[in-house]
């Protein structure tokens, strides 16, 4: 049986600076919400290929950028080499939970 390896731990206190190198390789999920729409199940089932779903946001309106399901920024949709991207225009300062 393999021996357990002891791991060094440090206690974190609020206001203490974080060593960003220690967490730099941690993966995060980024998502951007372009808009939302409400339809009934019946309406959804009647939609076919080519159907357009109207969203609740106007063209050019800021979109929200989420990191691990928490809104952290707003930005504008851009096209980068035939792909959709986002230019961040505002970083949100949220309350610390």
Foldseek 3Di string as FASTA:
>chain_A
DDDDDDDDDDDDDPPDDDPCVVCVPPDKDKDKDPFDADDDPVVVVPDDPPDDTDGPDDQQDWIFMDINNHTFFIFHWDADPNDIDTDTDGGDDDDDD
